[in-house]
Amino acid sequence: MPGIDECLLEAMRLPGARGAALVDWTSGLALGTVGEAPGGDHETTAAEAAELARLAAEHGAFAAGGAEDGRPPVEDVIVSNHDSYHLLRFVDTSFDSSVFLHLWLGREEGNLALARIRLGDMASRLVLG
């Protein structure tokens, strides 16, 4: 089972990957980063992505059935712009499930469907601690 660094390096092997991070969505802190960051700053990107993740996770309109089982109520969030995709994949953890993987993909080279499947697999195998 991969740790943070191994997981992020695996994410960077996806076609079109520009950068990846593991972020705590309650604090906005990056727990690990690799590759480029949109705007050039991983910490700023982590804080901004955490705001989006928190918004999605804490609003009932996006939570199918709630999170009574301890898992994050949202599986992932996808944001697209003119040249890239941002995929935020929530990670189910043994403690408070307040982290997500953020993958930044180039739109021309990236395959959003493949990235979503692979990131979900990585999130399920990620070992934190």
N, C-alpha and C. Protein backbone atom coordinates (compact mmCIF):
# COMPACT_ATOMS: atom_id res chain seq x y z
N MET A 1 0.83 -1.17 0.00
CA MET A 1 0.00 0.00 0.00
C MET A 1 0.89 1.24 0.00
N PRO A 2 0.62 2.15 -0.91
CA PRO A 2 1.50 3.31 -1.05
C PRO A 2 1.25 4.39 0.01
N GLY A 3 2.32 5.09 0.35
CA GLY A 3 2.23 6.26 1.21
C GLY A 3 1.99 7.49 0.35
N ILE A 4 2.08 8.66 0.95
CA ILE A 4 1.78 9.91 0.26
C ILE A 4 2.68 10.12 -0.95
N ASP A 5 4.00 10.02 -0.76
CA ASP A 5 4.92 10.28 -1.86
C ASP A 5 4.72 9.32 -3.03
N GLU A 6 4.57 8.03 -2.72
CA GLU A 6 4.38 7.03 -3.77
C GLU A 6 3.08 7.28 -4.52
N CYS A 7 2.04 7.64 -3.79
CA CYS A 7 0.73 7.90 -4.40
C CYS A 7 0.80 9.10 -5.34
N LEU A 8 1.46 10.16 -4.90
CA LEU A 8 1.56 11.36 -5.73
C LEU A 8 2.42 11.10 -6.97
N LEU A 9 3.49 10.33 -6.83
CA LEU A 9 4.31 9.99 -7.99
C LEU A 9 3.53 9.12 -8.98
N GLU A 10 2.70 8.23 -8.45
CA GLU A 10 1.85 7.41 -9.32
C GLU A 10 0.85 8.29 -10.07
N ALA A 11 0.31 9.29 -9.40
CA ALA A 11 -0.62 10.21 -10.06
C ALA A 11 0.07 10.97 -11.19
N MET A 12 1.33 11.30 -11.01
CA MET A 12 2.06 12.04 -12.03
C MET A 12 2.35 11.20 -13.27
N ARG A 13 2.19 9.90 -13.18
CA ARG A 13 2.38 9.04 -14.35
C ARG A 13 1.14 9.00 -15.25
N LEU A 14 0.05 9.61 -14.80
CA LEU A 14 -1.16 9.66 -15.63
C LEU A 14 -0.94 10.60 -16.81
N PRO A 15 -1.49 10.27 -17.97
CA PRO A 15 -1.32 11.14 -19.14
C PRO A 15 -1.83 12.55 -18.86
N GLY A 16 -0.99 13.54 -19.15
CA GLY A 16 -1.38 14.93 -18.99
C GLY A 16 -1.20 15.51 -17.60
N ALA A 17 -0.72 14.71 -16.64
CA ALA A 17 -0.56 15.20 -15.27
C ALA A 17 0.44 16.34 -15.21
N ARG A 18 0.03 17.44 -14.64
CA ARG A 18 0.91 18.61 -14.45
C ARG A 18 1.38 18.71 -13.01
N GLY A 19 0.52 18.35 -12.08
CA GLY A 19 0.86 18.43 -10.66
C GLY A 19 -0.16 17.68 -9.83
N ALA A 20 0.25 17.32 -8.63
CA ALA A 20 -0.63 16.59 -7.73
C ALA A 20 -0.31 16.98 -6.29
N ALA A 21 -1.31 16.87 -5.44
CA ALA A 21 -1.12 17.19 -4.02
C ALA A 21 -2.10 16.38 -3.18
N LEU A 22 -1.72 16.15 -1.94
CA LEU A 22 -2.63 15.62 -0.94
C LEU A 22 -2.88 16.77 0.02
N VAL A 23 -4.15 17.12 0.22
CA VAL A 23 -4.52 18.32 0.96
C VAL A 23 -5.50 17.97 2.08
N ASP A 24 -5.28 18.60 3.23
CA ASP A 24 -6.24 18.51 4.33
C ASP A 24 -7.28 19.61 4.09
N TRP A 25 -8.53 19.22 3.85
CA TRP A 25 -9.53 20.23 3.49
C TRP A 25 -10.05 21.03 4.67
N THR A 26 -9.78 20.62 5.89
CA THR A 26 -10.22 21.44 7.02
C THR A 26 -9.23 22.57 7.30
N SER A 27 -7.94 22.33 7.09
CA SER A 27 -6.93 23.37 7.36
C SER A 27 -6.44 24.06 6.09
N GLY A 28 -6.58 23.40 4.94
CA GLY A 28 -6.06 23.96 3.70
C GLY A 28 -4.58 23.72 3.49
N LEU A 29 -3.98 22.87 4.31
CA LEU A 29 -2.55 22.60 4.20
C LEU A 29 -2.27 21.44 3.25
N ALA A 30 -1.21 21.60 2.46
CA ALA A 30 -0.76 20.52 1.58
C ALA A 30 0.09 19.56 2.42
N LEU A 31 -0.28 18.28 2.41
CA LEU A 31 0.47 17.27 3.15
C LEU A 31 1.58 16.68 2.29
N GLY A 32 1.48 16.90 0.99
CA GLY A 32 2.49 16.45 0.04
C GLY A 32 2.18 17.03 -1.32
N THR A 33 3.21 17.35 -2.09
CA THR A 33 3.02 17.91 -3.43
C THR A 33 4.07 17.34 -4.37
N VAL A 34 3.74 17.36 -5.67
CA VAL A 34 4.69 16.95 -6.69
C VAL A 34 4.31 17.66 -7.99
N GLY A 35 5.30 17.95 -8.82
CA GLY A 35 5.03 18.59 -10.10
C GLY A 35 4.78 20.08 -9.95
N GLU A 36 4.08 20.62 -10.93
CA GLU A 36 3.78 22.05 -10.96
C GLU A 36 2.53 22.36 -10.12
N ALA A 37 2.36 23.63 -9.81
CA ALA A 37 1.14 24.11 -9.15
C ALA A 37 0.53 25.20 -10.03
N PRO A 38 -0.80 25.20 -10.18
CA PRO A 38 -1.42 26.30 -10.91
C PRO A 38 -1.05 27.62 -10.24
N GLY A 39 -0.56 28.56 -10.98
CA GLY A 39 -0.14 29.82 -10.38
C GLY A 39 1.25 29.76 -9.77
N GLY A 40 1.85 28.58 -9.74
CA GLY A 40 3.22 28.45 -9.27
C GLY A 40 3.42 28.24 -7.78
N ASP A 41 2.37 28.20 -6.99
CA ASP A 41 2.52 28.09 -5.53
C ASP A 41 1.63 26.96 -5.00
N HIS A 42 2.26 25.88 -4.54
CA HIS A 42 1.50 24.73 -4.03
C HIS A 42 0.66 25.08 -2.81
N GLU A 43 1.17 25.89 -1.90
CA GLU A 43 0.43 26.20 -0.68
C GLU A 43 -0.82 27.02 -0.96
N THR A 44 -0.71 27.99 -1.86
CA THR A 44 -1.89 28.78 -2.24
C THR A 44 -2.91 27.91 -2.94
N THR A 45 -2.43 27.07 -3.86
CA THR A 45 -3.33 26.16 -4.57
C THR A 45 -4.04 25.23 -3.59
N ALA A 46 -3.31 24.70 -2.62
CA ALA A 46 -3.91 23.79 -1.63
C ALA A 46 -5.00 24.51 -0.84
N ALA A 47 -4.73 25.73 -0.40
CA ALA A 47 -5.72 26.48 0.37
C ALA A 47 -6.97 26.78 -0.45
N GLU A 48 -6.77 27.16 -1.71
CA GLU A 48 -7.92 27.46 -2.58
C GLU A 48 -8.72 26.21 -2.93
N ALA A 49 -8.02 25.10 -3.19
CA ALA A 49 -8.71 23.84 -3.49
C ALA A 49 -9.47 23.35 -2.26
N ALA A 50 -8.90 23.58 -1.07
CA ALA A 50 -9.56 23.17 0.17
C ALA A 50 -10.88 23.91 0.36
N GLU A 51 -10.92 25.19 -0.02
CA GLU A 51 -12.17 25.95 0.07
C GLU A 51 -13.25 25.31 -0.79
N LEU A 52 -12.88 24.92 -1.99
CA LEU A 52 -13.82 24.27 -2.90
C LEU A 52 -14.27 22.92 -2.35
N ALA A 53 -13.31 22.13 -1.86
CA ALA A 53 -13.63 20.82 -1.29
C ALA A 53 -14.56 20.95 -0.09
N ARG A 54 -14.25 21.91 0.77
CA ARG A 54 -15.07 22.14 1.97
C ARG A 54 -16.49 22.55 1.58
N LEU A 55 -16.61 23.41 0.60
CA LEU A 55 -17.91 23.84 0.11
C LEU A 55 -18.74 22.64 -0.36
N ALA A 56 -18.13 21.79 -1.16
CA ALA A 56 -18.84 20.62 -1.68
C ALA A 56 -19.19 19.63 -0.57
N ALA A 57 -18.26 19.40 0.34
CA ALA A 57 -18.46 18.39 1.38
C ALA A 57 -19.44 18.81 2.46
N GLU A 58 -19.55 20.11 2.70
CA GLU A 58 -20.38 20.56 3.82
C GLU A 58 -21.78 20.98 3.43
N HIS A 59 -22.10 21.01 2.14
CA HIS A 59 -23.43 21.41 1.72
C HIS A 59 -24.27 20.20 1.35
N GLY A 60 -25.42 20.10 1.96
CA GLY A 60 -26.30 18.95 1.78
C GLY A 60 -26.73 18.68 0.36
N ALA A 61 -26.79 19.69 -0.47
CA ALA A 61 -27.21 19.50 -1.86
C ALA A 61 -26.28 18.58 -2.62
N PHE A 62 -25.02 18.49 -2.19
CA PHE A 62 -24.05 17.66 -2.89
C PHE A 62 -23.82 16.32 -2.22
N ALA A 63 -24.38 16.11 -1.05
CA ALA A 63 -24.15 14.89 -0.29
C ALA A 63 -25.32 13.93 -0.44
N ALA A 64 -25.13 12.93 -1.25
CA ALA A 64 -26.17 11.92 -1.46
C ALA A 64 -26.30 11.05 -0.21
N GLY A 65 -27.35 11.25 0.54
CA GLY A 65 -27.59 10.41 1.71
C GLY A 65 -26.77 10.79 2.93
N GLY A 66 -25.98 11.84 2.88
CA GLY A 66 -25.19 12.25 4.03
C GLY A 66 -23.96 11.40 4.21
N ALA A 67 -23.31 11.57 5.36
CA ALA A 67 -22.06 10.86 5.64
C ALA A 67 -22.14 10.14 6.98
N GLU A 68 -23.24 9.44 7.20
CA GLU A 68 -23.43 8.76 8.48
C GLU A 68 -22.41 7.65 8.70
N ASP A 69 -21.86 7.09 7.63
CA ASP A 69 -20.92 5.99 7.77
C ASP A 69 -19.49 6.46 7.99
N GLY A 70 -19.26 7.76 8.18
CA GLY A 70 -17.93 8.29 8.44
C GLY A 70 -17.14 8.65 7.20
N ARG A 71 -17.61 8.26 6.04
CA ARG A 71 -16.92 8.60 4.80
C ARG A 71 -17.28 10.00 4.37
N PRO A 72 -16.42 10.63 3.55
CA PRO A 72 -16.78 11.94 3.03
C PRO A 72 -18.08 11.84 2.23
N PRO A 73 -18.94 12.83 2.33
CA PRO A 73 -20.22 12.76 1.64
C PRO A 73 -20.11 12.93 0.13
N VAL A 74 -19.00 13.44 -0.34
CA VAL A 74 -18.78 13.66 -1.78
C VAL A 74 -17.61 12.78 -2.20
N GLU A 75 -17.73 12.16 -3.37
CA GLU A 75 -16.66 11.30 -3.87
C GLU A 75 -15.55 12.11 -4.52
N ASP A 76 -15.93 12.96 -5.48
CA ASP A 76 -14.94 13.82 -6.10
C ASP A 76 -15.59 15.07 -6.67
N VAL A 77 -14.73 16.05 -6.98
CA VAL A 77 -15.15 17.32 -7.57
C VAL A 77 -14.27 17.53 -8.80
N ILE A 78 -14.90 17.91 -9.92
CA ILE A 78 -14.16 18.16 -11.14
C ILE A 78 -14.41 19.61 -11.57
N VAL A 79 -13.32 20.33 -11.81
CA VAL A 79 -13.41 21.70 -12.31
C VAL A 79 -12.62 21.74 -13.61
N SER A 80 -13.23 22.31 -14.64
CA SER A 80 -12.51 22.41 -15.92
C SER A 80 -12.40 23.88 -16.31
N ASN A 81 -11.32 24.19 -17.00
CA ASN A 81 -11.17 25.51 -17.59
C ASN A 81 -10.68 25.35 -19.03
N HIS A 82 -10.27 26.41 -19.68
CA HIS A 82 -9.96 26.34 -21.10
C HIS A 82 -8.79 25.42 -21.45
N ASP A 83 -7.86 25.17 -20.51
CA ASP A 83 -6.72 24.33 -20.87
C ASP A 83 -6.41 23.20 -19.89
N SER A 84 -7.23 23.05 -18.84
CA SER A 84 -6.91 21.99 -17.88
C SER A 84 -8.14 21.52 -17.10
N TYR A 85 -7.93 20.42 -16.38
CA TYR A 85 -8.91 19.86 -15.46
C TYR A 85 -8.29 19.82 -14.07
N HIS A 86 -9.13 20.02 -13.06
CA HIS A 86 -8.73 19.83 -11.68
C HIS A 86 -9.65 18.77 -11.11
N LEU A 87 -9.08 17.70 -10.63
CA LEU A 87 -9.84 16.61 -10.06
C LEU A 87 -9.49 16.52 -8.57
N LEU A 88 -10.50 16.70 -7.72
CA LEU A 88 -10.34 16.59 -6.28
C LEU A 88 -11.01 15.29 -5.86
N ARG A 89 -10.25 14.34 -5.37
CA ARG A 89 -10.77 13.04 -4.95
C ARG A 89 -10.64 12.90 -3.44
N PHE A 90 -11.78 12.81 -2.76
CA PHE A 90 -11.79 12.66 -1.31
C PHE A 90 -11.27 11.28 -0.93
N VAL A 91 -10.49 11.24 0.16
CA VAL A 91 -9.88 10.00 0.62
C VAL A 91 -10.57 9.55 1.89
N ASP A 92 -11.04 8.32 1.88
CA ASP A 92 -11.66 7.71 3.05
C ASP A 92 -10.54 7.22 3.97
N THR A 93 -10.45 7.79 5.17
CA THR A 93 -9.37 7.41 6.09
C THR A 93 -9.95 6.80 7.36
N SER A 94 -9.08 6.19 8.15
CA SER A 94 -9.52 5.58 9.41
C SER A 94 -9.76 6.62 10.50
N PHE A 95 -9.28 7.85 10.30
CA PHE A 95 -9.52 8.88 11.31
C PHE A 95 -10.68 9.76 10.89
N ASP A 96 -10.47 10.95 10.33
CA ASP A 96 -11.60 11.85 10.10
C ASP A 96 -11.94 12.11 8.64
N SER A 97 -11.28 11.44 7.70
CA SER A 97 -11.58 11.58 6.26
C SER A 97 -11.64 13.03 5.81
N SER A 98 -10.65 13.81 6.20
CA SER A 98 -10.64 15.22 5.85
C SER A 98 -9.54 15.56 4.85
N VAL A 99 -9.13 14.59 4.05
CA VAL A 99 -8.09 14.84 3.06
C VAL A 99 -8.61 14.49 1.67
N PHE A 100 -7.98 15.11 0.67
CA PHE A 100 -8.32 14.79 -0.71
C PHE A 100 -7.07 14.86 -1.57
N LEU A 101 -7.10 14.12 -2.66
CA LEU A 101 -6.05 14.19 -3.67
C LEU A 101 -6.47 15.22 -4.69
N HIS A 102 -5.56 16.10 -5.07
CA HIS A 102 -5.82 17.11 -6.10
C HIS A 102 -4.90 16.80 -7.26
N LEU A 103 -5.48 16.48 -8.41
CA LEU A 103 -4.71 16.22 -9.62
C LEU A 103 -5.01 17.31 -10.63
N TRP A 104 -3.96 17.90 -11.17
CA TRP A 104 -4.09 18.94 -12.20
C TRP A 104 -3.65 18.32 -13.51
N LEU A 105 -4.58 18.27 -14.47
CA LEU A 105 -4.33 17.64 -15.78
C LEU A 105 -4.40 18.65 -16.91
N GLY A 106 -3.48 18.52 -17.86
CA GLY A 106 -3.58 19.30 -19.08
C GLY A 106 -4.74 18.77 -19.92
N ARG A 107 -5.55 19.64 -20.45
CA ARG A 107 -6.75 19.24 -21.18
C ARG A 107 -6.43 18.50 -22.48
N GLU A 108 -5.39 18.92 -23.17
CA GLU A 108 -5.02 18.30 -24.46
C GLU A 108 -4.52 16.87 -24.29
N GLU A 109 -3.67 16.66 -23.28
CA GLU A 109 -3.03 15.35 -23.10
C GLU A 109 -3.77 14.45 -22.12
N GLY A 110 -4.55 15.04 -21.24
CA GLY A 110 -5.18 14.29 -20.16
C GLY A 110 -6.41 13.54 -20.58
N ASN A 111 -6.69 12.49 -19.84
CA ASN A 111 -7.90 11.69 -20.04
C ASN A 111 -8.65 11.73 -18.71
N LEU A 112 -9.68 12.55 -18.64
CA LEU A 112 -10.38 12.78 -17.38
C LEU A 112 -11.01 11.50 -16.83
N ALA A 113 -11.61 10.69 -17.70
CA ALA A 113 -12.24 9.45 -17.23
C ALA A 113 -11.21 8.50 -16.64
N LEU A 114 -10.09 8.32 -17.33
CA LEU A 114 -9.03 7.45 -16.82
C LEU A 114 -8.47 8.00 -15.52
N ALA A 115 -8.24 9.30 -15.46
CA ALA A 115 -7.70 9.91 -14.24
C ALA A 115 -8.65 9.71 -13.07
N ARG A 116 -9.92 9.85 -13.30
CA ARG A 116 -10.90 9.68 -12.22
C ARG A 116 -10.88 8.25 -11.67
N ILE A 117 -10.81 7.28 -12.57
CA ILE A 117 -10.77 5.87 -12.15
C ILE A 117 -9.48 5.58 -11.38
N ARG A 118 -8.36 6.01 -11.94
CA ARG A 118 -7.06 5.73 -11.30
C ARG A 118 -6.90 6.46 -9.97
N LEU A 119 -7.37 7.70 -9.91
CA LEU A 119 -7.26 8.45 -8.66
C LEU A 119 -8.13 7.80 -7.57
N GLY A 120 -9.29 7.29 -7.96
CA GLY A 120 -10.13 6.57 -7.00
C GLY A 120 -9.43 5.34 -6.46
N ASP A 121 -8.74 4.62 -7.35
CA ASP A 121 -7.99 3.44 -6.93
C ASP A 121 -6.85 3.84 -6.00
N MET A 122 -6.14 4.90 -6.35
CA MET A 122 -5.04 5.37 -5.50
C MET A 122 -5.55 5.79 -4.12
N ALA A 123 -6.66 6.49 -4.10
CA ALA A 123 -7.23 6.95 -2.84
C ALA A 123 -7.61 5.78 -1.94
N SER A 124 -8.09 4.71 -2.54
CA SER A 124 -8.48 3.54 -1.74
C SER A 124 -7.29 2.78 -1.18
N ARG A 125 -6.13 2.90 -1.82
CA ARG A 125 -4.93 2.20 -1.38
C ARG A 125 -3.99 3.05 -0.53
N LEU A 126 -4.23 4.35 -0.48
CA LEU A 126 -3.33 5.27 0.21
C LEU A 126 -3.28 4.97 1.71
N VAL A 127 -2.06 4.92 2.21
CA VAL A 127 -1.84 4.68 3.65
C VAL A 127 -1.34 5.98 4.26
N LEU A 128 -2.06 6.48 5.23
CA LEU A 128 -1.68 7.70 5.93
C LEU A 128 -1.28 7.34 7.35
N GLY A 129 -0.21 7.97 7.81
CA GLY A 129 0.15 7.74 9.21
C GLY A 129 1.58 7.47 9.45
